[in-house]
């Protein structure tokens, strides 16, 4: 089974530290992020992807005062790992030349989408002043990702900037613009779900805290919109260090929701291809033996007894075939 992690960050540490030290409150933010720093090494990211069975990750640039990863930096990482990584640009909408910067990032640097973080970049999502940037994204036929929900940056950001209801205006005014909301909406789950349910061009990703994902998806979202607009993402490495999770744990979490093979293919791969291209990919064909092995793998989870009623694998449990998603293993 192909798995794409559609929400990954790799930060330019030196620039971020320099900019953070120059901002009021920046030191405390940098201190909060320091435990994530080892996870920002390229070989660590690749190791996490390999362990999780993730074939490709989408890296987000960040054009903001305190958290920074330039479009050029992301493009270089993609160049070095072109078979495993894809990049999305970031452009601060407050730049007077924002549409031109986006066009350069797509046409010259080869980036495949636009990631916007309204709280960090301090703009209002449905402000008409930002519409030329959305128009440019439409012209370039690329998706736009909006950070919605809460933000970990305290008084440096305005929480109101992350209200997903503001995305509804953009989705209506730009019906051809493919949009992804992040973090399952975090504080605004229901509002995010309403926007996704209402607008055919809006998707949502699973990049929430691990302990929240199953409850949010099974209690509300899947019943309302199904799985066709849900995209797998993890926000690597942001929720990892403090909660000691691995990318693999997020894969396992989705696999234990009791979804059928078609739904899993959608969340892990097909839906992000639609976000990227607007077209559904050709269905992957697998042999009868591979299908039987995958079904046996997921069915066998019922025999793994873990704490809190959740099924987990024993430390020496092996996957029944190479294409099966490995079961959860306790961290050392």
Protein backbone atom coordinates (compact mmCIF):
# COMPACT_ATOMS: atom_id res chain seq x y z
CA UNK A 1 0.00 0.00 0.00
CA UNK A 2 1.38 3.41 -0.96
CA UNK A 3 1.50 5.96 1.85
CA UNK A 4 2.10 9.70 1.43
CA UNK A 5 2.67 11.90 4.47
CA UNK A 6 1.18 15.18 3.28
CA UNK A 7 2.27 17.37 6.20
CA UNK A 8 5.98 17.56 7.06
CA UNK A 9 8.22 20.43 8.17
CA UNK A 10 11.98 20.89 7.81
CA UNK A 11 13.07 24.21 9.30
CA UNK A 12 16.15 26.32 8.50
CA UNK A 13 17.54 26.31 12.02
CA UNK A 14 20.17 29.05 11.78
CA UNK A 15 17.80 31.56 10.20
CA UNK A 16 15.00 30.64 12.59
CA UNK A 17 17.23 31.18 15.63
CA UNK A 18 18.48 34.54 14.33
CA UNK A 19 14.95 35.76 13.62
CA UNK A 20 13.54 34.32 16.83
CA UNK A 21 16.11 36.04 19.03
CA UNK A 22 15.16 39.37 17.46
CA UNK A 23 11.46 39.03 18.34
CA UNK A 24 9.78 39.74 21.69
CA UNK A 25 8.90 36.36 23.14
CA UNK A 26 10.96 34.57 20.53
CA UNK A 27 13.33 32.96 23.02
CA UNK A 28 10.51 31.10 24.77
CA UNK A 29 9.21 29.80 21.44
CA UNK A 30 12.66 28.57 20.45
CA UNK A 31 12.99 26.85 23.83
CA UNK A 32 9.70 25.04 23.27
CA UNK A 33 10.92 23.78 19.89
CA UNK A 34 14.39 22.67 20.95
CA UNK A 35 13.41 19.05 21.69
CA UNK A 36 12.29 18.70 18.05
CA UNK A 37 15.65 19.75 16.62
CA UNK A 38 17.20 16.27 16.22
CA UNK A 39 14.17 15.23 14.17
CA UNK A 40 14.95 17.94 11.60
CA UNK A 41 17.98 16.07 10.28
CA UNK A 42 17.49 14.68 6.79
CA UNK A 43 18.62 11.17 7.63
CA UNK A 44 16.31 11.06 10.66
CA UNK A 45 13.34 12.04 8.48
CA UNK A 46 14.21 9.35 5.94
CA UNK A 47 14.56 6.79 8.70
CA UNK A 48 11.16 7.72 10.11
CA UNK A 49 9.62 7.39 6.66
CA UNK A 50 11.23 4.00 6.09
CA UNK A 51 10.07 2.69 9.46
CA UNK A 52 6.51 3.86 8.78
CA UNK A 53 6.36 2.53 5.22
CA UNK A 54 5.88 6.08 3.87
CA UNK A 55 6.92 6.28 0.23
CA UNK A 56 6.77 10.09 -0.07
CA UNK A 57 6.42 13.15 2.14
CA UNK A 58 5.33 16.68 1.30
CA UNK A 59 7.61 19.32 2.85
CA UNK A 60 6.17 22.74 3.69
CA UNK A 61 8.17 25.92 3.40
CA UNK A 62 7.40 28.61 6.00
CA UNK A 63 7.67 32.33 5.21
CA UNK A 64 7.10 33.82 8.67
CA UNK A 65 9.07 35.95 11.13
CA UNK A 66 9.95 33.26 13.69
CA UNK A 67 9.57 29.89 11.96
CA UNK A 68 11.34 29.93 8.64
CA UNK A 69 12.09 27.53 5.81
CA UNK A 70 12.63 29.23 2.47
CA UNK A 71 11.22 27.98 -0.78
CA UNK A 72 14.79 27.53 -2.01
CA UNK A 73 15.69 25.42 1.02
CA UNK A 74 12.71 23.11 0.52
CA UNK A 75 13.41 22.88 -3.21
CA UNK A 76 17.00 21.82 -2.47
CA UNK A 77 15.85 19.10 -0.07
CA UNK A 78 13.44 17.85 -2.72
CA UNK A 79 16.23 17.86 -5.30
CA UNK A 80 18.40 15.71 -3.05
CA UNK A 81 15.59 13.23 -2.42
CA UNK A 82 13.47 13.59 -5.54
CA UNK A 83 12.07 10.07 -5.29
CA UNK A 84 10.88 10.55 -1.69
CA UNK A 85 10.05 14.23 -1.20
CA UNK A 86 7.77 16.85 -2.73
CA UNK A 87 7.73 20.52 -1.77
CA UNK A 88 5.06 23.17 -1.18
CA UNK A 89 5.96 26.85 -1.26
CA UNK A 90 5.18 29.41 1.39
CA UNK A 91 4.58 33.07 0.57
CA UNK A 92 3.65 35.67 3.14
CA UNK A 93 0.49 37.29 1.70
CA UNK A 94 1.58 40.63 3.16
CA UNK A 95 4.38 40.80 0.57
CA UNK A 96 3.43 43.23 -2.21
CA UNK A 97 4.94 40.82 -4.74
CA UNK A 98 3.36 37.67 -3.27
CA UNK A 99 1.82 36.37 -6.53
CA UNK A 100 5.13 36.78 -8.37
CA UNK A 101 7.03 35.02 -5.58
CA UNK A 102 4.59 32.11 -5.80
CA UNK A 103 4.93 31.88 -9.56
CA UNK A 104 8.73 31.75 -9.24
CA UNK A 105 8.50 29.02 -6.60
CA UNK A 106 6.31 26.87 -8.81
CA UNK A 107 7.74 27.50 -12.28
CA UNK A 108 11.42 27.88 -11.39
CA UNK A 109 11.84 25.89 -8.18
CA UNK A 110 9.40 23.11 -9.04
CA UNK A 111 7.26 23.34 -5.89
CA UNK A 112 3.81 21.79 -6.16
CA UNK A 113 1.53 23.76 -3.83
CA UNK A 114 1.18 26.72 -1.44
CA UNK A 115 1.16 26.44 2.37
CA UNK A 116 -0.23 29.42 4.30
CA UNK A 117 -0.15 29.90 8.08
CA UNK A 118 -2.53 32.80 8.87
CA UNK A 119 -1.57 33.19 12.57
CA UNK A 120 2.18 33.16 11.95
CA UNK A 121 1.92 35.29 8.81
CA UNK A 122 -0.68 37.58 10.42
CA UNK A 123 -3.28 37.85 7.68
CA UNK A 124 -7.03 37.30 7.45
CA UNK A 125 -7.89 34.37 5.21
CA UNK A 126 -10.88 35.96 3.48
CA UNK A 127 -9.36 39.43 3.15
CA UNK A 128 -9.84 40.51 -0.47
CA UNK A 129 -6.27 41.85 -0.43
CA UNK A 130 -5.09 38.21 -0.43
CA UNK A 131 -7.30 37.19 -3.36
CA UNK A 132 -4.65 37.90 -6.04
CA UNK A 133 -2.50 35.21 -4.40
CA UNK A 134 -5.36 32.71 -4.54
CA UNK A 135 -5.99 33.70 -8.16
CA UNK A 136 -2.34 32.99 -8.95
CA UNK A 137 -2.63 29.56 -7.32
CA UNK A 138 -5.64 28.85 -9.54
CA UNK A 139 -3.73 29.97 -12.63
CA UNK A 140 -0.84 27.69 -11.67
CA UNK A 141 -3.25 24.80 -10.96
CA UNK A 142 -1.80 24.15 -7.51
CA UNK A 143 -3.55 23.49 -4.18
CA UNK A 144 -3.48 25.82 -1.18
CA UNK A 145 -3.03 24.51 2.36
CA UNK A 146 -4.38 26.60 5.25
CA UNK A 147 -3.23 26.12 8.83
CA UNK A 148 -6.43 26.20 10.88
CA UNK A 149 -7.13 25.60 14.55
CA UNK A 150 -4.85 26.50 17.40
CA UNK A 151 -1.22 27.60 17.28
CA UNK A 152 1.64 26.86 19.69
CA UNK A 153 3.15 30.34 19.45
CA UNK A 154 1.25 32.06 22.25
CA UNK A 155 1.00 35.83 22.22
CA UNK A 156 3.08 36.05 19.04
CA UNK A 157 -0.03 35.03 17.06
CA UNK A 158 -3.73 35.87 16.91
CA UNK A 159 -5.90 32.78 17.30
CA UNK A 160 -8.73 34.37 15.31
CA UNK A 161 -6.56 34.16 12.18
CA UNK A 162 -6.90 30.34 12.30
CA UNK A 163 -10.71 30.17 12.19
CA UNK A 164 -11.61 27.65 9.44
CA UNK A 165 -14.95 29.32 8.74
CA UNK A 166 -12.98 32.07 6.99
CA UNK A 167 -11.91 29.49 4.40
CA UNK A 168 -15.51 29.05 3.30
CA UNK A 169 -15.48 32.43 1.55
CA UNK A 170 -12.33 31.47 -0.36
CA UNK A 171 -13.75 28.07 -1.33
CA UNK A 172 -16.93 29.71 -2.65
CA UNK A 173 -15.17 32.56 -4.45
CA UNK A 174 -12.58 30.21 -5.99
CA UNK A 175 -14.48 26.99 -6.77
CA UNK A 176 -11.60 25.69 -8.91
CA UNK A 177 -9.06 26.14 -6.11
CA UNK A 178 -8.24 22.88 -4.33
CA UNK A 179 -7.91 23.57 -0.59
CA UNK A 180 -6.57 21.54 2.32
CA UNK A 181 -7.38 22.34 5.96
CA UNK A 182 -4.90 21.07 8.54
CA UNK A 183 -4.89 19.46 11.98
CA UNK A 184 -8.49 18.17 11.80
CA UNK A 185 -9.43 21.74 12.72
CA UNK A 186 -7.96 21.42 16.24
CA UNK A 187 -10.10 23.77 18.36
CA UNK A 188 -12.63 24.17 15.56
CA UNK A 189 -13.36 20.56 14.60
CA UNK A 190 -17.02 21.09 13.82
CA UNK A 191 -16.43 24.31 11.91
CA UNK A 192 -13.74 22.63 9.82
CA UNK A 193 -15.97 19.65 9.11
CA UNK A 194 -18.77 21.97 7.99
CA UNK A 195 -16.46 23.70 5.52
CA UNK A 196 -15.23 20.36 4.15
CA UNK A 197 -18.73 18.91 3.98
CA UNK A 198 -20.17 21.97 2.24
CA UNK A 199 -17.48 22.63 -0.36
CA UNK A 200 -16.45 19.99 -2.93
CA UNK A 201 -13.01 21.61 -3.33
CA UNK A 202 -11.98 21.40 0.35
CA UNK A 203 -10.09 18.52 2.01
CA UNK A 204 -8.80 18.03 5.56
CA UNK A 205 -5.67 16.35 6.92
CA UNK A 206 -5.09 14.16 9.97
CA UNK A 207 -2.11 16.07 11.39
CA UNK A 208 -3.44 16.24 14.94
CA UNK A 209 -2.08 14.95 18.23
CA UNK A 210 -1.99 11.17 18.07
CA UNK A 211 -4.35 10.60 20.98
CA UNK A 212 -7.02 12.79 19.31
CA UNK A 213 -7.08 11.32 15.81
CA UNK A 214 -9.14 8.16 16.30
CA UNK A 215 -11.75 9.85 18.50
CA UNK A 216 -12.20 12.82 16.18
CA UNK A 217 -12.42 10.76 13.00
CA UNK A 218 -14.68 8.01 14.27
CA UNK A 219 -16.91 10.19 16.41
CA UNK A 220 -17.73 12.81 13.81
CA UNK A 221 -15.87 13.34 10.57
CA UNK A 222 -16.13 9.92 8.93
CA UNK A 223 -19.87 9.75 9.57
CA UNK A 224 -20.39 13.17 8.00
CA UNK A 225 -18.17 13.16 4.93
CA UNK A 226 -16.75 9.65 4.65
CA UNK A 227 -13.09 9.16 3.78
CA UNK A 228 -12.87 10.64 0.27
CA UNK A 229 -11.71 14.07 1.52
CA UNK A 230 -9.45 12.97 4.37
CA UNK A 231 -5.68 13.11 3.72
CA UNK A 232 -2.97 11.53 5.85
CA UNK A 233 -0.51 13.94 7.43
CA UNK A 234 1.48 14.04 10.66
CA UNK A 235 2.90 17.58 11.17
CA UNK A 236 6.34 15.99 11.53
CA UNK A 237 8.23 16.78 13.71
CA UNK A 238 6.05 19.14 15.72
CA UNK A 239 3.95 16.73 17.87
CA UNK A 240 6.75 14.20 18.15
CA UNK A 241 9.38 15.17 20.67
CA UNK A 242 7.19 16.04 23.65
CA UNK A 243 4.83 13.12 23.10
CA UNK A 244 7.45 10.58 21.99
CA UNK A 245 5.57 9.44 18.90
CA UNK A 246 6.98 8.20 15.64
CA UNK A 247 5.63 8.62 12.15
CA UNK A 248 4.84 4.93 12.26
CA UNK A 249 2.45 5.43 15.19
CA UNK A 250 0.31 7.74 13.06
CA UNK A 251 0.13 5.16 10.26
CA UNK A 252 -0.87 2.47 12.75
CA UNK A 253 -3.54 4.75 14.24
CA UNK A 254 -5.28 5.09 10.87
CA UNK A 255 -4.96 1.35 10.23
CA UNK A 256 -6.77 0.49 13.46
CA UNK A 257 -9.92 2.51 12.64
CA UNK A 258 -11.58 -0.51 11.03
CA UNK A 259 -11.67 1.02 7.54
CA UNK A 260 -11.81 -1.11 4.41
CA UNK A 261 -9.01 -1.33 1.86
CA UNK A 262 -10.52 1.31 -0.44
CA UNK A 263 -10.84 3.85 2.38
CA UNK A 264 -7.26 3.26 3.53
CA UNK A 265 -5.95 3.70 -0.01
CA UNK A 266 -7.87 6.96 -0.20
CA UNK A 267 -6.58 8.44 3.04
CA UNK A 268 -3.00 7.30 2.52
CA UNK A 269 -2.61 7.97 -1.21
CA UNK A 270 -5.53 8.55 -3.58
CA UNK A 271 -7.00 11.66 -1.96
CA UNK A 272 -3.73 13.58 -1.92
CA UNK A 273 -3.31 12.83 -5.63
CA UNK A 274 -6.70 14.45 -6.23
CA UNK A 275 -5.58 17.45 -4.16
CA UNK A 276 -2.41 17.73 -6.24
CA UNK A 277 -3.87 17.22 -9.71
CA UNK A 278 -7.64 17.44 -9.49
CA UNK A 279 -7.84 13.93 -10.92
CA UNK A 280 -8.32 10.58 -9.24
CA UNK A 281 -5.34 8.26 -9.83
CA UNK A 282 -5.69 4.91 -11.53
CA UNK A 283 -6.50 2.26 -8.99
CA UNK A 284 -3.48 0.29 -7.84
CA UNK A 285 -3.77 -3.38 -8.76
CA UNK A 286 -2.58 -6.03 -6.34
CA UNK A 287 -2.51 -9.79 -6.60
CA UNK A 288 -5.00 -12.02 -4.83
CA UNK A 289 -2.22 -13.24 -2.56
CA UNK A 290 -1.25 -9.66 -1.60
CA UNK A 291 -4.86 -8.76 -0.89
CA UNK A 292 -5.36 -11.88 1.22
CA UNK A 293 -2.20 -11.06 3.16
CA UNK A 294 -3.27 -7.47 3.79
CA UNK A 295 -6.73 -8.51 4.98
CA UNK A 296 -5.23 -11.16 7.24
CA UNK A 297 -2.86 -8.57 8.66
CA UNK A 298 -5.61 -6.12 9.60
CA UNK A 299 -7.95 -8.86 10.85
CA UNK A 300 -5.22 -10.26 13.09
CA UNK A 301 -5.07 -6.97 15.01
CA UNK A 302 -8.07 -8.21 16.97
CA UNK A 303 -5.76 -10.67 18.73
CA UNK A 304 -3.30 -8.03 19.95
CA UNK A 305 -4.38 -6.91 23.38
CA UNK A 306 -3.07 -3.60 24.64
CA UNK A 307 -3.78 -1.16 27.40
CA UNK A 308 -6.92 0.92 27.29
CA UNK A 309 -8.71 -1.55 25.03
CA UNK A 310 -6.58 -0.66 22.00
CA UNK A 311 -5.02 -3.38 19.90
CA UNK A 312 -1.26 -3.31 19.64
CA UNK A 313 1.39 -5.66 18.38
CA UNK A 314 3.86 -7.51 20.50
CA UNK A 315 7.45 -6.30 20.29
CA UNK A 316 8.47 -9.17 18.01
CA UNK A 317 5.36 -9.25 15.81
CA UNK A 318 6.33 -9.24 12.12
CA UNK A 319 4.26 -8.04 9.17
CA UNK A 320 2.80 -10.97 7.18
CA UNK A 321 3.92 -9.55 3.84
CA UNK A 322 6.10 -6.68 2.56
CA UNK A 323 3.19 -4.41 1.58
CA UNK A 324 1.34 -4.61 4.87
CA UNK A 325 1.59 -1.65 7.21
CA UNK A 326 3.64 -2.79 10.23
CA UNK A 327 1.86 -2.99 13.58
CA UNK A 328 2.65 -0.67 16.44
CA UNK A 329 5.71 -1.51 18.50
CA UNK A 330 6.48 0.04 21.89
CA UNK A 331 9.21 2.64 21.77
CA UNK A 332 12.50 1.76 23.43
